[in-house]
Amino acid sequence: MRKVEVSVSCIVPARNESGSLEELCREISGIDRIREVVIVEGGSSDDTWSVAQQLAKSQPNFIRAIQQDGRGKMNAVNRGMEVSTGDFIVIWDADGTVPASDVSKLIDLSIRESIFVKGDRLRGYMAPGAMRPINFLGNWFFALLWAPVLRERPSDVLCGSKVFPREVFESLEKDALIRDPYGDFALLHAATLSKCSVKSVEVTYFARSYGVTNISRWSGATKLFLFVMWMYRAKLFSRNMRR
């Protein structure tokens, strides 16, 4: 029987990341499974949009550059989903902090088992200065909250590198799309609703070489916590723990 080749799309949310985009696209092009890249720029104060357009012009059959129509990373992911065509979706942060070799492992596992696979920076190698101490503690806090739902040991739930079948996104509730500005929790929420297994893979996490993080520590953490509380009120956590 002839093996059917699945298609993989890579969505790259990019805000103020002009200094890392070109190198990231070079790394992405080295992964044979990825057939298209969708760079989604949103509200940059640097020349990210110009760089994205140049990259798309240089490889028109591989890279597409669009702009998001709202605010926040989740909106950027949603815009990328609207124009992407792949059976599997790779979300890859434009800061280039997770190497291609590790993302390739996530892709292989996701396709092989048809599951949601996320990078785990908390258990992988983390370069000095890659994550601020308060962020590290916050990530562990949310890892502990999610562990019973995902039915795995506590692991990183905020890593920007993740791979999943397209149908996972199609089960995303509108409320989740609106409530989670970053998308990490909303996508995990969608995976649990679609009964798609979630696995973590340790990844290397380097310090960014350009710019600064686009996430506010305190307001971002508050929004994420409120999203988790919404899930508790919706009894999603308890439903999944009983499965």
Protein backbone atom coordinates (compact mmCIF):
# COMPACT_ATOMS: atom_id res chain seq x y z
CA MET A 1 0.00 0.00 0.00
CA ARG A 2 1.34 3.40 -0.95
CA LYS A 3 2.12 5.65 2.03
CA VAL A 4 0.20 8.92 2.03
CA GLU A 5 2.44 11.92 2.67
CA VAL A 6 1.02 14.42 5.14
CA SER A 7 1.54 18.13 4.66
CA VAL A 8 2.94 20.39 7.38
CA SER A 9 2.46 24.14 7.71
CA CYS A 10 4.57 26.32 10.00
CA ILE A 11 2.98 29.43 11.49
CA VAL A 12 5.40 32.06 12.77
CA PRO A 13 3.84 34.87 14.84
CA ALA A 14 6.26 37.80 14.59
CA ARG A 15 6.19 41.12 16.41
CA ASN A 16 9.40 43.15 16.63
CA GLU A 17 11.48 40.19 15.47
CA SER A 18 13.16 41.53 12.33
CA GLY A 19 16.63 40.59 13.56
CA SER A 20 15.83 36.88 13.90
CA LEU A 21 13.36 36.17 11.09
CA GLU A 22 15.84 35.49 8.30
CA GLU A 23 17.85 32.97 10.32
CA LEU A 24 14.69 31.29 11.55
CA CYS A 25 13.34 30.85 8.02
CA ARG A 26 16.70 29.38 7.01
CA GLU A 27 16.35 26.82 9.82
CA ILE A 28 12.75 26.04 8.89
CA SER A 29 13.71 25.43 5.26
CA GLY A 30 16.08 22.71 6.48
CA ILE A 31 13.18 20.62 7.80
CA ASP A 32 11.96 18.54 4.85
CA ARG A 33 8.50 17.85 6.30
CA ILE A 34 7.54 21.53 6.37
CA ARG A 35 5.96 22.52 3.05
CA GLU A 36 4.92 26.10 3.79
CA VAL A 37 5.70 28.92 6.20
CA VAL A 38 3.19 31.60 7.15
CA ILE A 39 4.76 34.62 8.86
CA VAL A 40 2.10 36.61 10.68
CA GLU A 41 3.27 40.09 11.60
CA GLY A 42 1.37 42.24 14.03
CA GLY A 43 1.97 45.77 15.26
CA SER A 44 5.76 45.83 15.07
CA SER A 45 7.65 49.03 15.80
CA ASP A 46 10.72 47.79 13.91
CA ASP A 47 10.97 46.60 10.28
CA THR A 48 9.61 43.08 10.87
CA TRP A 49 6.90 43.50 8.23
CA SER A 50 9.41 44.64 5.61
CA VAL A 51 11.72 41.70 6.37
CA ALA A 52 8.78 39.27 6.24
CA GLN A 53 7.75 40.61 2.83
CA GLN A 54 11.29 40.29 1.50
CA LEU A 55 11.52 36.69 2.71
CA ALA A 56 8.19 35.86 1.07
CA LYS A 57 9.33 37.46 -2.18
CA SER A 58 12.58 35.46 -2.13
CA GLN A 59 10.75 32.12 -1.70
CA PRO A 60 7.19 32.67 -2.99
CA ASN A 61 6.40 28.96 -3.17
CA PHE A 62 7.46 28.38 0.43
CA ILE A 63 6.99 31.53 2.53
CA ARG A 64 3.89 33.67 2.84
CA ALA A 65 3.75 36.93 4.80
CA ILE A 66 0.50 38.35 6.17
CA GLN A 67 -0.51 40.77 8.88
CA GLN A 68 -2.86 39.96 11.73
CA ASP A 69 -6.18 41.77 11.99
CA GLY A 70 -6.23 42.07 15.78
CA ARG A 71 -3.91 42.00 18.77
CA GLY A 72 -2.13 39.23 20.64
CA LYS A 73 -0.39 36.03 19.64
CA MET A 74 -3.61 34.00 19.60
CA ASN A 75 -5.01 36.31 16.96
CA ALA A 76 -1.82 35.86 14.92
CA VAL A 77 -2.13 32.07 15.15
CA ASN A 78 -5.77 32.28 14.12
CA ARG A 79 -4.86 34.37 11.05
CA GLY A 80 -2.15 31.88 10.14
CA MET A 81 -4.63 29.01 10.42
CA GLU A 82 -6.99 30.78 8.04
CA VAL A 83 -4.48 30.76 5.19
CA SER A 84 -2.41 27.65 5.94
CA THR A 85 -3.18 24.33 4.25
CA GLY A 86 -1.22 21.68 6.16
CA ASP A 87 -2.64 18.54 7.77
CA PHE A 88 -0.36 19.28 10.73
CA ILE A 89 0.46 22.68 12.15
CA VAL A 90 3.75 23.84 13.67
CA ILE A 91 3.71 26.95 15.85
CA TRP A 92 7.24 28.33 16.04
CA ASP A 93 8.11 31.56 17.86
CA ALA A 94 10.05 34.01 15.74
CA ASP A 95 12.67 34.66 18.44
CA GLY A 96 14.61 31.55 17.39
CA THR A 97 15.22 30.36 20.96
CA VAL A 98 14.35 26.70 20.24
CA PRO A 99 16.62 25.03 17.64
CA ALA A 100 15.35 23.37 14.48
CA SER A 101 16.68 19.96 15.52
CA ASP A 102 14.33 19.95 18.51
CA VAL A 103 11.31 21.24 16.57
CA SER A 104 11.94 18.50 14.03
CA LYS A 105 11.58 15.94 16.83
CA LEU A 106 8.24 17.45 17.82
CA ILE A 107 7.02 17.20 14.23
CA ASP A 108 8.09 13.57 13.81
CA LEU A 109 6.34 12.49 17.02
CA SER A 110 3.16 14.43 16.29
CA ILE A 111 2.82 12.91 12.82
CA ARG A 112 3.80 9.41 13.91
CA GLU A 113 1.21 9.25 16.71
CA SER A 114 -1.24 11.89 15.46
CA ILE A 115 -1.07 13.78 18.76
CA PHE A 116 -0.43 17.24 20.16
CA VAL A 117 3.27 17.65 20.99
CA LYS A 118 4.71 20.59 22.89
CA GLY A 119 8.24 21.57 23.76
CA ASP A 120 9.34 21.35 27.39
CA ARG A 121 11.92 24.00 28.24
CA LEU A 122 11.65 23.37 31.98
CA ARG A 123 13.19 19.90 31.74
CA GLY A 124 15.47 20.52 28.78
CA TYR A 125 18.72 22.44 28.66
CA MET A 126 18.19 26.13 29.36
CA ALA A 127 20.99 28.52 28.49
CA PRO A 128 22.01 31.09 31.11
CA GLY A 129 19.78 34.15 30.89
CA ALA A 130 17.25 32.51 28.58
CA MET A 131 14.43 32.83 31.12
CA ARG A 132 14.10 35.22 34.02
CA PRO A 133 13.78 33.56 37.47
CA ILE A 134 10.27 34.90 38.07
CA ASN A 135 9.16 33.55 34.68
CA PHE A 136 10.72 30.19 35.50
CA LEU A 137 8.73 29.98 38.73
CA GLY A 138 5.56 31.11 36.97
CA ASN A 139 5.98 28.44 34.32
CA TRP A 140 6.29 25.76 36.99
CA PHE A 141 3.17 27.11 38.72
CA PHE A 142 1.10 26.70 35.56
CA ALA A 143 2.75 23.34 34.83
CA LEU A 144 1.44 22.06 38.15
CA LEU A 145 -2.08 23.38 37.42
CA TRP A 146 -2.23 21.66 34.03
CA ALA A 147 -0.65 18.32 35.00
CA PRO A 148 -3.89 16.61 36.17
CA VAL A 149 -5.70 17.68 33.02
CA LEU A 150 -3.02 16.49 30.63
CA ARG A 151 -2.45 13.40 32.77
CA GLU A 152 1.31 13.71 32.65
CA ARG A 153 4.01 14.88 35.02
CA PRO A 154 4.23 18.66 35.35
CA SER A 155 5.80 20.10 32.22
CA ASP A 156 6.10 23.33 30.28
CA VAL A 157 2.71 24.54 29.03
CA LEU A 158 3.94 27.90 27.72
CA CYS A 159 6.63 26.88 25.24
CA GLY A 160 6.14 28.59 21.90
CA SER A 161 7.08 25.44 19.95
CA LYS A 162 4.21 23.02 19.43
CA VAL A 163 2.83 20.71 16.73
CA PHE A 164 -0.69 19.33 16.34
CA PRO A 165 -3.16 17.92 13.81
CA ARG A 166 -5.25 20.62 12.14
CA GLU A 167 -8.50 19.24 13.55
CA VAL A 168 -7.36 20.19 17.07
CA PHE A 169 -7.66 23.86 16.18
CA GLU A 170 -11.05 23.29 14.61
CA SER A 171 -12.42 22.20 18.00
CA LEU A 172 -11.30 25.45 19.67
CA GLU A 173 -14.15 27.21 21.45
CA LYS A 174 -14.75 30.85 20.59
CA ASP A 175 -14.55 31.83 24.27
CA ALA A 176 -11.09 30.29 24.54
CA LEU A 177 -9.97 32.11 21.41
CA ILE A 178 -10.97 35.40 22.97
CA ARG A 179 -9.85 34.79 26.55
CA ASP A 180 -6.29 33.58 25.90
CA PRO A 181 -4.19 36.32 24.27
CA TYR A 182 -1.16 34.06 23.80
CA GLY A 183 -2.84 30.86 22.62
CA ASP A 184 -0.84 28.29 24.59
CA PHE A 185 -3.65 27.42 27.00
CA ALA A 186 -6.38 27.79 24.39
CA LEU A 187 -4.67 25.20 22.17
CA LEU A 188 -4.26 22.79 25.08
CA HIS A 189 -7.92 23.39 25.88
CA ALA A 190 -8.79 22.48 22.28
CA ALA A 191 -6.68 19.32 22.48
CA THR A 192 -8.57 18.14 25.58
CA LEU A 193 -11.93 18.89 23.94
CA SER A 194 -10.98 16.93 20.82
CA LYS A 195 -9.62 14.08 22.99
CA CYS A 196 -6.22 14.45 21.35
CA SER A 197 -3.41 13.11 23.51
CA VAL A 198 -0.77 15.62 24.59
CA LYS A 199 2.89 14.76 25.04
CA SER A 200 5.92 16.84 26.01
CA VAL A 201 9.40 16.62 24.55
CA GLU A 202 12.41 18.22 26.18
CA VAL A 203 13.87 21.03 24.09
CA THR A 204 16.90 23.28 24.34
CA TYR A 205 16.11 26.88 25.15
CA PHE A 206 18.59 29.56 24.13
CA ALA A 207 18.58 33.23 25.09
CA ARG A 208 17.16 35.39 22.33
CA SER A 209 19.77 37.12 20.18
CA TYR A 210 17.56 40.03 19.15
CA GLY A 211 14.99 42.22 20.84
CA VAL A 212 13.03 41.57 24.01
CA THR A 213 10.07 39.41 24.90
CA ASN A 214 6.65 40.67 23.83
CA ILE A 215 4.96 39.23 26.93
CA SER A 216 4.39 41.33 30.05
CA ARG A 217 5.30 39.32 33.15
CA TRP A 218 2.57 40.49 35.49
CA SER A 219 -0.34 41.34 33.23
CA GLY A 220 0.39 38.26 31.12
CA ALA A 221 0.46 35.98 34.15
CA THR A 222 -2.82 37.49 35.38
CA LYS A 223 -4.53 36.84 32.06
CA LEU A 224 -3.28 33.25 32.00
CA PHE A 225 -4.45 32.66 35.56
CA LEU A 226 -7.89 34.07 34.75
CA PHE A 227 -8.08 31.72 31.76
CA VAL A 228 -7.32 28.75 33.99
CA MET A 229 -9.97 29.89 36.47
CA TRP A 230 -12.47 30.13 33.61
CA MET A 231 -11.64 26.53 32.71
CA TYR A 232 -12.17 25.47 36.31
CA ARG A 233 -15.57 27.18 36.39
CA ALA A 234 -16.46 25.45 33.13
CA LYS A 235 -15.50 22.17 34.88
CA LEU A 236 -13.23 21.22 32.00
CA PHE A 237 -10.45 20.21 34.38
CA SER A 238 -12.63 17.79 36.36
CA ARG A 239 -14.15 16.30 33.19
CA ASN A 240 -10.73 15.52 31.81
CA MET A 241 -9.42 14.08 35.06
CA ARG A 242 -12.34 11.61 35.07
CA ARG A 243 -11.76 10.42 31.50
